[in-house]
Protein backbone atom coordinates (compact mmCIF):
# COMPACT_ATOMS: atom_id res chain seq x y z
CA MET A 1 -75.20 -63.90 6.52
CA ARG A 2 -74.93 -62.18 3.13
CA VAL A 3 -72.08 -59.66 3.31
CA LEU A 4 -71.49 -57.05 0.61
CA LEU A 5 -67.78 -56.22 0.57
CA VAL A 6 -67.13 -52.88 -1.15
CA GLU A 7 -63.39 -52.80 -1.73
CA ASP A 8 -61.37 -51.97 -4.87
CA ASP A 9 -58.08 -53.45 -3.61
CA GLU A 10 -57.97 -56.93 -5.14
CA ARG A 11 -55.56 -58.48 -2.61
CA LEU A 12 -57.35 -57.12 0.45
CA ALA A 13 -60.74 -58.07 -0.98
CA ALA A 14 -59.54 -61.63 -1.57
CA ALA A 15 -58.17 -61.91 1.98
CA LEU A 16 -61.35 -60.52 3.54
CA THR A 17 -63.51 -62.76 1.39
CA THR A 18 -61.58 -65.81 2.57
CA ALA A 19 -61.85 -64.77 6.22
CA LEU A 20 -65.57 -63.96 6.02
CA THR A 21 -66.32 -67.21 4.20
CA ARG A 22 -64.40 -69.14 6.84
CA HIS A 23 -66.74 -67.62 9.43
CA GLY A 24 -69.79 -68.84 7.54
CA HIS A 25 -70.72 -65.71 5.61
CA GLN A 26 -71.70 -65.47 1.95
CA VAL A 27 -69.67 -62.70 0.33
CA VAL A 28 -70.48 -60.58 -2.69
CA ARG A 29 -67.77 -58.14 -3.68
CA ALA A 30 -68.11 -54.78 -5.43
CA GLY A 31 -65.20 -52.61 -6.53
CA LEU A 32 -67.29 -49.59 -7.53
CA ALA A 33 -69.79 -47.48 -5.62
CA VAL A 34 -72.37 -47.77 -8.39
CA ASP A 35 -72.29 -51.56 -8.09
CA ALA A 36 -72.42 -51.38 -4.31
CA LEU A 37 -75.57 -49.25 -4.36
CA ARG A 38 -77.15 -51.70 -6.80
CA LEU A 39 -76.27 -54.78 -4.75
CA ALA A 40 -76.91 -53.42 -1.23
CA GLY A 41 -80.60 -54.28 -1.32
CA ALA A 42 -79.83 -58.00 -1.18
CA ALA A 43 -77.21 -57.74 1.58
CA ASP A 44 -77.56 -58.35 5.31
CA PHE A 45 -74.37 -56.43 6.09
CA VAL A 46 -72.09 -54.01 4.20
CA LEU A 47 -68.35 -53.48 4.65
CA LEU A 48 -67.52 -50.23 2.89
CA ASP A 49 -64.15 -48.83 1.86
CA LEU A 50 -64.10 -45.05 1.36
CA GLY A 51 -61.45 -44.81 -1.36
CA LEU A 52 -63.52 -45.99 -4.31
CA PRO A 53 -62.53 -45.06 -7.87
CA ASP A 54 -65.93 -43.82 -9.12
CA LEU A 55 -67.41 -42.07 -6.06
CA ASP A 56 -66.21 -41.15 -2.59
CA GLY A 57 -67.35 -43.75 -0.10
CA LEU A 58 -68.96 -41.18 2.18
CA GLU A 59 -71.22 -39.99 -0.62
CA ALA A 60 -72.07 -43.60 -1.45
CA LEU A 61 -72.94 -44.13 2.21
CA ARG A 62 -75.22 -41.09 2.28
CA ARG A 63 -77.03 -42.30 -0.83
CA LEU A 64 -77.40 -45.77 0.65
CA ARG A 65 -78.84 -44.39 3.88
CA ARG A 66 -81.62 -42.62 1.97
CA VAL A 67 -83.09 -45.98 0.99
CA SER A 68 -81.70 -48.66 3.29
CA ALA A 69 -81.14 -49.46 6.97
CA VAL A 70 -78.66 -52.27 6.28
CA PRO A 71 -75.84 -52.37 8.87
CA VAL A 72 -72.65 -50.73 7.56
CA ILE A 73 -69.11 -50.77 8.88
CA VAL A 74 -66.68 -48.41 7.18
CA VAL A 75 -63.35 -50.16 6.57
CA THR A 76 -60.75 -47.63 5.49
CA ALA A 77 -57.21 -46.31 5.78
CA ARG A 78 -58.45 -42.82 6.67
CA THR A 79 -57.39 -42.18 10.25
CA GLN A 80 -58.24 -38.52 10.85
CA GLU A 81 -60.79 -37.84 13.58
CA ARG A 82 -62.65 -35.67 11.07
CA ASP A 83 -63.05 -38.68 8.75
CA VAL A 84 -64.30 -40.89 11.57
CA LEU A 85 -66.92 -38.33 12.57
CA ARG A 86 -68.03 -37.83 8.98
CA GLY A 87 -68.36 -41.57 8.50
CA LEU A 88 -70.49 -42.03 11.60
CA ARG A 89 -72.60 -38.96 10.89
CA SER A 90 -73.17 -40.13 7.32
CA GLY A 91 -74.78 -43.31 8.61
CA ALA A 92 -72.07 -45.86 9.39
CA ASP A 93 -72.75 -48.15 12.34
CA ASP A 94 -69.03 -48.47 13.06
CA TYR A 95 -65.67 -47.31 11.67
CA LEU A 96 -62.63 -49.60 11.43
CA VAL A 97 -59.19 -48.35 10.36
CA LYS A 98 -56.84 -50.49 8.24
CA PRO A 99 -54.83 -52.51 8.96
CA PHE A 100 -56.92 -54.54 11.39
CA ARG A 101 -57.17 -58.11 12.60
CA THR A 102 -59.92 -60.34 11.30
CA ALA A 103 -60.98 -61.14 14.86
CA GLU A 104 -61.64 -57.46 15.53
CA LEU A 105 -63.74 -57.11 12.38
CA MET A 106 -65.85 -60.14 13.32
CA ALA A 107 -66.32 -58.83 16.87
CA ARG A 108 -67.46 -55.43 15.58
CA MET A 109 -69.87 -57.03 13.13
CA GLU A 110 -71.38 -59.05 15.97
CA ALA A 111 -71.66 -55.93 18.14
CA VAL A 112 -73.49 -54.03 15.39
CA GLN A 113 -75.88 -56.95 14.95
CA ARG A 114 -76.61 -57.05 18.68
CA ARG A 115 -77.52 -53.37 18.65
CA GLY A 116 -80.06 -54.04 15.94
CA THR A 117 -80.76 -52.09 12.78
CA ARG A 118 -81.52 -48.38 12.68
CA PRO A 119 -85.05 -47.25 11.77
CA LEU A 120 -85.87 -47.36 8.09
CA PRO A 121 -85.81 -44.00 6.32
CA VAL A 122 -89.18 -42.24 6.46
CA ARG A 123 -90.93 -42.03 3.09
CA ASP A 124 -93.73 -39.79 1.93
CA GLN A 125 -93.28 -37.69 5.03
CA VAL A 126 -94.85 -34.26 5.20
CA VAL A 127 -94.00 -31.85 8.00
CA GLU A 128 -96.31 -28.92 8.67
CA VAL A 129 -95.39 -25.89 10.75
CA GLY A 130 -98.24 -23.38 10.80
CA ASP A 131 -99.04 -22.71 7.16
CA VAL A 132 -95.68 -24.04 5.95
CA ARG A 133 -95.82 -27.51 4.40
CA ILE A 134 -92.54 -29.37 3.84
CA ASP A 135 -92.78 -32.46 1.63
CA LEU A 136 -89.53 -34.33 2.28
CA GLU A 137 -90.10 -36.95 -0.40
CA ALA A 138 -91.13 -34.57 -3.17
CA ARG A 139 -88.65 -31.91 -2.00
CA GLN A 140 -91.34 -29.24 -2.14
CA VAL A 141 -92.23 -26.40 0.21
CA THR A 142 -95.45 -24.39 0.19
CA VAL A 143 -96.51 -21.44 2.31
CA ALA A 144 -100.26 -20.94 2.64
CA GLY A 145 -100.64 -23.20 -0.38
CA THR A 146 -98.20 -21.26 -2.57
CA PRO A 147 -95.06 -23.09 -3.77
CA VAL A 148 -91.73 -21.64 -2.65
CA ALA A 149 -88.67 -22.09 -4.88
CA LEU A 150 -85.63 -23.07 -2.81
CA THR A 151 -82.13 -23.96 -3.91
CA ARG A 152 -80.99 -27.53 -3.39
CA ARG A 153 -78.94 -26.66 -0.34
CA GLU A 154 -81.62 -24.44 1.16
CA PHE A 155 -84.03 -27.36 0.98
CA ASP A 156 -81.42 -29.79 2.34
CA VAL A 157 -80.87 -27.56 5.39
CA LEU A 158 -84.61 -27.24 5.98
CA ALA A 159 -85.18 -30.99 5.47
CA LEU A 160 -82.47 -31.86 7.98
CA LEU A 161 -84.20 -29.74 10.61
CA ALA A 162 -87.70 -30.90 9.64
CA ARG A 163 -86.93 -34.62 9.96
CA GLU A 164 -86.72 -34.16 13.73
CA PRO A 165 -88.68 -31.01 14.64
CA GLY A 166 -87.48 -29.44 17.86
CA VAL A 167 -84.08 -31.15 17.78
CA VAL A 168 -81.16 -28.72 17.74
CA ARG A 169 -78.64 -29.34 14.97
CA GLY A 170 -75.13 -27.99 15.50
CA ARG A 171 -73.49 -25.84 12.85
CA GLU A 172 -70.77 -28.41 12.14
CA GLU A 173 -73.35 -31.19 11.92
CA ILE A 174 -75.37 -29.26 9.32
CA LEU A 175 -72.29 -28.26 7.33
CA ASP A 176 -71.09 -31.86 7.35
CA ALA A 177 -74.47 -33.29 6.29
CA VAL A 178 -75.29 -30.71 3.61
CA TRP A 179 -71.90 -29.46 2.38
CA GLY A 180 -69.89 -32.54 3.28
CA ASP A 181 -67.32 -30.50 5.17
CA PRO A 182 -67.67 -29.51 8.84
CA LEU A 183 -64.66 -27.20 8.49
CA LEU A 184 -66.80 -24.76 6.53
CA SER A 185 -67.96 -23.55 9.95
CA ALA A 186 -65.61 -20.59 9.57
CA SER A 187 -67.55 -19.40 6.53
CA ARG A 188 -70.92 -17.70 6.29
CA SER A 189 -72.37 -20.29 3.88
CA LEU A 190 -74.85 -21.70 6.39
CA ASP A 191 -75.92 -18.26 7.62
CA VAL A 192 -76.60 -17.12 4.05
CA HIS A 193 -78.74 -20.18 3.32
CA VAL A 194 -80.71 -19.82 6.56
CA ALA A 195 -81.33 -16.17 5.73
CA GLY A 196 -82.52 -17.26 2.29
CA LEU A 197 -84.95 -19.73 3.81
CA ARG A 198 -86.45 -17.09 6.08
CA ALA A 199 -86.74 -14.54 3.30
CA LYS A 200 -88.18 -16.86 0.66
CA THR A 201 -90.80 -18.37 2.96
CA GLY A 202 -91.61 -15.04 4.56
CA ARG A 203 -91.56 -16.85 7.90
CA PRO A 204 -88.53 -15.62 9.88
CA GLY A 205 -89.29 -17.95 12.79
CA LEU A 206 -89.28 -21.10 10.65
CA VAL A 207 -85.59 -21.66 11.36
CA GLU A 208 -84.70 -20.76 14.93
CA THR A 209 -81.14 -19.79 15.86
CA LEU A 210 -79.71 -20.91 19.19
CA ARG A 211 -76.61 -18.79 19.69
CA GLY A 212 -73.48 -20.83 20.21
CA THR A 213 -75.36 -24.07 19.57
CA GLY A 214 -77.01 -24.31 16.17
CA TYR A 215 -80.44 -24.30 14.56
CA ARG A 216 -83.79 -26.02 14.91
CA LEU A 217 -87.17 -25.95 13.21
CA GLY A 218 -89.21 -23.27 14.93
CA GLY A 219 -92.52 -21.52 14.45
CA THR A 220 -93.49 -19.36 11.49
CA THR A 221 -93.95 -15.88 12.94
């Protein structure tokens, strides 16, 4: 199996490369996120450190998940529960904290493979709710054929809800996915952006609030 090892620590990378090769894997190593994103298309599996020098590993993971369903295990020294949740919500198939034994890494890789790959990202998807048309690929919204200018984060919130219409997204989940920080739940950032979406589209029911739970894509009245 072709494994992309994304790790900037030379000694750890060398040790992991030796162990993976001993288990029959072909290893390509990247020390930068930009190289990892370039090389991921040819990999069967990705081991991703989060502490990369050019880009945070979580952001690299989000970017990778927009275009690839390759299995990913985060391999990092970050131990906080918040970091684990952010890693899994950003698209990791598993999360392994350093230091770890090689046997555990191999077992987790096998478990991820047994579960199978996640669905490929949907491309050229258009979601229509009444007279509202949401083009996820082009990042465009029209109401009754008229384009609506949204901010980047307003569109990101709407797109998150539109990818699975009817599914309720919790406040922390949205804040984590769009702002990258679930602890912003104490602020009114999300509420302001939802209000902006309703006002700009002129469709107050487009984003439905479920008190104490979160938001979901609703109707348009």
